[in-house]
Amino acid sequence: MHKDGKTTDNGRTRQKFCCPFRQSKTGCCPCGHKNWNNGKKNRGCTKYVTLPSDYRLSIDRDCLRFKRTYALRSECERYNSRFKATGQERLWIRNGNSAANLNTISHIAVLAVALAAISSGSRSYRSAKSLRRSA
């Protein structure tokens, strides 16, 4: 079923879903739905789903776009936690160039551990300690 507009009544918002074969010229439903021939031009079934007023609850977590975005977000979080484990939150140096160089070295180290884990075929690079043990 596909979306066919929204309606608001009594302070609630409802999403309308319609049969994709609703406007077809054939005389029978390919799915064999019982409400296909209702005697009107618009055949097929329609359903209404009440949308919550909270934006978090209205997100469709089963769609492919959400899953791709969530996968990218969790990948960034994992990388940030590995970078945080290098101890770069409180730098002991004061010079800006030195801090930039230290951050660059830390990023290279984190990426090198990930590359070594992938090239070794283990696919497990949660910690550099376990990777060193396997090497």
Foldseek 3Di string as FASTA:
>chain_A
DDWDDWDDDPHWIKTKDWDPCQQPPDDADPVRDPQQPPPDNRGGDMDIDIADPDPVRRDDCPDPVNVVVVVVVVVVVLLVVQLVVVVLPDDPDDDPVVNVVVSVVSSVVSVVLCVLCVVVPVNDRSDSVVVVVVD
